[in-house]
């Protein structure tokens, strides 16, 4: 199993903006066959060093992760994220 975790910091850090982007992410559930698990978490501490949203996704293989990366639904999400991100996101991918 491959776990893909991404942290996002948004330009607009209001709760409304964060919730709207979290919905864009969670709406991928059930739309991408290779996506086996998705979890979207919102930061609760709101510190300067905090990221606003954590995305945890799981895949059966690296090939499935690669297929997810170019899936049309995910490409639309990536387009949205480019518009709302404050800089770049950070990620960790690991095998479990």
N, C-alpha and C. Protein backbone atom coordinates (compact mmCIF):
# COMPACT_ATOMS: atom_id res chain seq x y z
N UNK A 1 0.86 -1.18 0.00
CA UNK A 1 0.00 0.00 0.00
C UNK A 1 0.90 1.24 0.00
N UNK A 2 0.56 2.21 -0.84
CA UNK A 2 1.28 3.47 -0.92
C UNK A 2 0.41 4.55 -0.26
N UNK A 3 0.99 5.26 0.68
CA UNK A 3 0.31 6.39 1.32
C UNK A 3 0.93 7.68 0.81
N UNK A 4 0.07 8.58 0.37
CA UNK A 4 0.47 9.87 -0.20
C UNK A 4 -0.17 10.95 0.68
N UNK A 5 0.68 11.73 1.37
CA UNK A 5 0.19 12.79 2.26
C UNK A 5 0.66 14.13 1.73
N UNK A 6 -0.27 15.07 1.63
CA UNK A 6 0.05 16.41 1.13
C UNK A 6 -0.49 17.44 2.12
N UNK A 7 0.34 18.47 2.37
CA UNK A 7 -0.07 19.57 3.24
C UNK A 7 -0.18 20.83 2.40
N UNK A 8 -1.26 21.58 2.63
CA UNK A 8 -1.55 22.78 1.86
C UNK A 8 -1.69 23.99 2.79
N UNK A 9 -1.09 25.11 2.38
CA UNK A 9 -1.28 26.39 3.04
C UNK A 9 -1.92 27.31 2.01
N UNK A 10 -3.08 27.88 2.35
CA UNK A 10 -3.84 28.67 1.40
C UNK A 10 -3.53 30.17 1.51
N UNK A 11 -3.77 30.88 0.42
CA UNK A 11 -3.64 32.34 0.43
C UNK A 11 -4.66 32.93 1.40
N UNK A 12 -5.90 32.52 1.24
CA UNK A 12 -6.99 32.97 2.10
C UNK A 12 -7.17 31.92 3.19
N UNK A 13 -6.77 32.26 4.40
CA UNK A 13 -6.78 31.28 5.50
C UNK A 13 -8.06 31.36 6.33
N UNK A 14 -9.10 31.98 5.77
CA UNK A 14 -10.39 32.03 6.49
C UNK A 14 -11.00 30.63 6.52
N UNK A 15 -11.81 30.38 7.53
CA UNK A 15 -12.46 29.08 7.66
C UNK A 15 -13.31 28.76 6.43
N UNK A 16 -14.00 29.74 5.91
CA UNK A 16 -14.85 29.53 4.73
C UNK A 16 -14.02 29.05 3.53
N UNK A 17 -12.89 29.70 3.30
CA UNK A 17 -12.02 29.35 2.18
C UNK A 17 -11.42 27.95 2.38
N UNK A 18 -10.98 27.68 3.58
CA UNK A 18 -10.38 26.37 3.88
C UNK A 18 -11.42 25.26 3.70
N UNK A 19 -12.63 25.48 4.19
CA UNK A 19 -13.68 24.46 4.04
C UNK A 19 -14.04 24.24 2.58
N UNK A 20 -14.07 25.30 1.79
CA UNK A 20 -14.40 25.17 0.37
C UNK A 20 -13.34 24.34 -0.36
N UNK A 21 -12.07 24.58 -0.05
CA UNK A 21 -11.00 23.82 -0.70
C UNK A 21 -10.99 22.38 -0.19
N UNK A 22 -11.26 22.18 1.09
CA UNK A 22 -11.34 20.82 1.62
C UNK A 22 -12.43 20.02 0.89
N UNK A 23 -13.53 20.68 0.57
CA UNK A 23 -14.61 20.01 -0.17
C UNK A 23 -14.16 19.63 -1.58
N UNK A 24 -13.42 20.52 -2.24
CA UNK A 24 -12.89 20.20 -3.57
C UNK A 24 -12.06 18.92 -3.49
N UNK A 25 -11.23 18.82 -2.46
CA UNK A 25 -10.39 17.63 -2.28
C UNK A 25 -11.23 16.39 -1.96
N UNK A 26 -12.13 16.50 -1.00
CA UNK A 26 -12.90 15.32 -0.58
C UNK A 26 -13.86 14.85 -1.67
N UNK A 27 -14.24 15.76 -2.57
CA UNK A 27 -15.14 15.36 -3.66
C UNK A 27 -14.49 14.39 -4.66
N UNK A 28 -13.18 14.16 -4.54
CA UNK A 28 -12.54 13.15 -5.39
C UNK A 28 -12.97 11.74 -5.01
N UNK A 29 -13.44 11.57 -3.77
CA UNK A 29 -13.83 10.24 -3.30
C UNK A 29 -14.86 9.61 -4.23
N UNK A 30 -14.58 8.38 -4.65
CA UNK A 30 -15.49 7.64 -5.51
C UNK A 30 -15.39 7.98 -6.99
N UNK A 31 -14.57 8.95 -7.36
CA UNK A 31 -14.46 9.37 -8.75
C UNK A 31 -13.20 8.87 -9.46
N UNK A 32 -12.26 8.37 -8.69
CA UNK A 32 -10.99 7.90 -9.26
C UNK A 32 -10.80 6.45 -8.80
N UNK A 33 -10.96 5.48 -9.70
CA UNK A 33 -10.95 4.07 -9.30
C UNK A 33 -9.71 3.63 -8.51
N UNK A 34 -8.53 4.15 -8.83
CA UNK A 34 -7.31 3.70 -8.16
C UNK A 34 -7.15 4.31 -6.77
N UNK A 35 -7.96 5.30 -6.43
CA UNK A 35 -7.91 5.95 -5.12
C UNK A 35 -8.66 5.09 -4.10
N UNK A 36 -7.91 4.40 -3.25
CA UNK A 36 -8.49 3.43 -2.32
C UNK A 36 -8.97 4.05 -1.02
N UNK A 37 -8.38 5.19 -0.62
CA UNK A 37 -8.74 5.85 0.64
C UNK A 37 -8.42 7.33 0.50
N UNK A 38 -9.29 8.15 1.02
CA UNK A 38 -9.02 9.59 1.07
C UNK A 38 -9.51 10.14 2.40
N UNK A 39 -8.69 10.99 2.98
CA UNK A 39 -9.04 11.67 4.22
C UNK A 39 -8.54 13.10 4.12
N UNK A 40 -9.40 14.04 4.46
CA UNK A 40 -9.05 15.45 4.42
C UNK A 40 -9.20 16.00 5.83
N UNK A 41 -8.12 16.57 6.36
CA UNK A 41 -8.15 17.12 7.72
C UNK A 41 -7.84 18.60 7.70
N UNK A 42 -8.54 19.34 8.58
CA UNK A 42 -8.34 20.78 8.72
C UNK A 42 -7.55 21.05 9.99
N UNK A 43 -6.58 21.94 9.89
CA UNK A 43 -5.75 22.30 11.04
C UNK A 43 -6.61 22.90 12.16
N UNK A 44 -6.30 22.53 13.40
CA UNK A 44 -7.06 23.05 14.53
C UNK A 44 -6.25 24.01 15.41
N UNK A 45 -4.94 24.12 15.19
CA UNK A 45 -4.12 25.00 16.02
C UNK A 45 -3.98 26.41 15.44
N UNK A 46 -3.96 26.51 14.11
CA UNK A 46 -3.88 27.81 13.42
C UNK A 46 -2.66 28.63 13.83
N UNK A 47 -1.54 27.95 13.93
CA UNK A 47 -0.29 28.65 14.21
C UNK A 47 0.32 29.12 12.90
N UNK A 48 1.26 30.05 12.99
CA UNK A 48 1.91 30.57 11.78
C UNK A 48 2.56 29.45 10.97
N UNK A 49 3.16 28.48 11.64
CA UNK A 49 3.84 27.40 10.93
C UNK A 49 2.90 26.28 10.48
N UNK A 50 1.64 26.36 10.90
CA UNK A 50 0.67 25.33 10.55
C UNK A 50 0.30 25.39 9.07
N UNK A 51 0.02 24.24 8.51
CA UNK A 51 -0.60 24.17 7.20
C UNK A 51 -2.11 24.09 7.44
N UNK A 52 -2.89 24.51 6.47
CA UNK A 52 -4.33 24.60 6.65
C UNK A 52 -5.06 23.28 6.45
N UNK A 53 -4.59 22.49 5.49
CA UNK A 53 -5.28 21.25 5.11
C UNK A 53 -4.25 20.13 4.95
N UNK A 54 -4.62 18.96 5.43
CA UNK A 54 -3.83 17.75 5.19
C UNK A 54 -4.69 16.80 4.35
N UNK A 55 -4.08 16.26 3.31
CA UNK A 55 -4.75 15.27 2.45
C UNK A 55 -3.99 13.96 2.59
N UNK A 56 -4.71 12.91 2.96
CA UNK A 56 -4.12 11.57 3.07
C UNK A 56 -4.84 10.67 2.07
N UNK A 57 -4.08 10.12 1.13
CA UNK A 57 -4.66 9.20 0.15
C UNK A 57 -3.85 7.91 0.14
N UNK A 58 -4.50 6.83 -0.27
CA UNK A 58 -3.83 5.52 -0.31
C UNK A 58 -4.12 4.83 -1.64
N UNK A 59 -3.09 4.13 -2.10
CA UNK A 59 -3.13 3.44 -3.39
C UNK A 59 -2.52 2.06 -3.24
N UNK A 60 -2.91 1.14 -4.12
CA UNK A 60 -2.36 -0.22 -4.07
C UNK A 60 -0.91 -0.29 -4.55
N UNK A 61 -0.49 0.65 -5.40
CA UNK A 61 0.85 0.57 -5.99
C UNK A 61 1.32 1.95 -6.44
N UNK A 62 2.61 2.04 -6.74
CA UNK A 62 3.15 3.28 -7.30
C UNK A 62 2.54 3.59 -8.65
N UNK A 63 2.23 2.54 -9.41
CA UNK A 63 1.58 2.73 -10.71
C UNK A 63 0.20 3.37 -10.54
N UNK A 64 -0.53 2.96 -9.51
CA UNK A 64 -1.83 3.55 -9.25
C UNK A 64 -1.69 5.01 -8.82
N UNK A 65 -0.67 5.31 -8.02
CA UNK A 65 -0.41 6.70 -7.65
C UNK A 65 -0.12 7.54 -8.89
N UNK A 66 0.65 6.99 -9.81
CA UNK A 66 0.95 7.69 -11.07
C UNK A 66 -0.31 7.89 -11.90
N UNK A 67 -1.19 6.90 -11.94
CA UNK A 67 -2.45 7.01 -12.69
C UNK A 67 -3.34 8.09 -12.06
N UNK A 68 -3.37 8.15 -10.75
CA UNK A 68 -4.13 9.18 -10.03
C UNK A 68 -3.62 10.57 -10.40
N UNK A 69 -2.31 10.71 -10.50
CA UNK A 69 -1.71 12.02 -10.75
C UNK A 69 -2.18 12.63 -12.07
N UNK A 70 -2.49 11.79 -13.05
CA UNK A 70 -2.91 12.29 -14.37
C UNK A 70 -4.40 12.07 -14.65
N UNK A 71 -5.13 11.58 -13.67
CA UNK A 71 -6.57 11.36 -13.87
C UNK A 71 -7.26 12.72 -14.04
N UNK A 72 -8.22 12.82 -14.96
CA UNK A 72 -8.89 14.11 -15.23
C UNK A 72 -9.49 14.78 -13.99
N UNK A 73 -10.06 14.01 -13.09
CA UNK A 73 -10.63 14.59 -11.87
C UNK A 73 -9.52 15.22 -11.03
N UNK A 74 -8.41 14.52 -10.89
CA UNK A 74 -7.30 15.05 -10.10
C UNK A 74 -6.66 16.26 -10.79
N UNK A 75 -6.60 16.26 -12.11
CA UNK A 75 -6.06 17.41 -12.83
C UNK A 75 -6.89 18.66 -12.57
N UNK A 76 -8.20 18.52 -12.48
CA UNK A 76 -9.07 19.66 -12.16
C UNK A 76 -8.82 20.14 -10.72
N UNK A 77 -8.61 19.21 -9.81
CA UNK A 77 -8.30 19.57 -8.42
C UNK A 77 -6.97 20.32 -8.37
N UNK A 78 -5.99 19.82 -9.11
CA UNK A 78 -4.68 20.49 -9.13
C UNK A 78 -4.79 21.91 -9.68
N UNK A 79 -5.65 22.10 -10.66
CA UNK A 79 -5.87 23.44 -11.22
C UNK A 79 -6.43 24.37 -10.13
N UNK A 80 -7.41 23.88 -9.39
CA UNK A 80 -7.98 24.66 -8.29
C UNK A 80 -6.92 24.98 -7.25
N UNK A 81 -6.10 23.99 -6.90
CA UNK A 81 -5.10 24.19 -5.86
C UNK A 81 -4.08 25.24 -6.26
N UNK A 82 -3.70 25.29 -7.53
CA UNK A 82 -2.76 26.31 -8.00
C UNK A 82 -3.31 27.71 -7.78
N UNK A 83 -4.62 27.86 -7.88
CA UNK A 83 -5.25 29.16 -7.70
C UNK A 83 -5.30 29.59 -6.24
N UNK A 84 -5.45 28.64 -5.32
CA UNK A 84 -5.69 28.99 -3.91
C UNK A 84 -4.47 28.84 -3.01
N UNK A 85 -3.43 28.17 -3.50
CA UNK A 85 -2.25 27.92 -2.65
C UNK A 85 -1.43 29.17 -2.42
N UNK A 86 -0.88 29.26 -1.22
CA UNK A 86 0.08 30.29 -0.86
C UNK A 86 1.46 29.65 -1.02
N UNK A 87 2.00 29.69 -2.21
CA UNK A 87 3.28 29.03 -2.47
C UNK A 87 3.06 27.60 -2.93
N UNK A 88 3.88 26.71 -2.43
CA UNK A 88 3.81 25.31 -2.85
C UNK A 88 3.29 24.45 -1.71
N UNK A 89 2.88 23.26 -2.06
CA UNK A 89 2.48 22.27 -1.07
C UNK A 89 3.71 21.40 -0.75
N UNK A 90 3.60 20.63 0.32
CA UNK A 90 4.66 19.67 0.65
C UNK A 90 4.00 18.29 0.76
N UNK A 91 4.79 17.25 0.45
CA UNK A 91 4.19 15.92 0.52
C UNK A 91 5.21 14.89 1.01
N UNK A 92 4.66 13.77 1.44
CA UNK A 92 5.43 12.60 1.81
C UNK A 92 4.71 11.40 1.22
N UNK A 93 5.47 10.51 0.59
CA UNK A 93 4.93 9.27 0.04
C UNK A 93 5.70 8.13 0.67
N UNK A 94 4.97 7.13 1.18
CA UNK A 94 5.66 6.00 1.78
C UNK A 94 4.89 4.71 1.57
N UNK A 95 5.60 3.62 1.69
CA UNK A 95 5.03 2.29 1.52
C UNK A 95 4.75 1.70 2.89
N UNK A 96 3.58 1.10 3.04
CA UNK A 96 3.24 0.47 4.33
C UNK A 96 2.74 -0.94 4.12
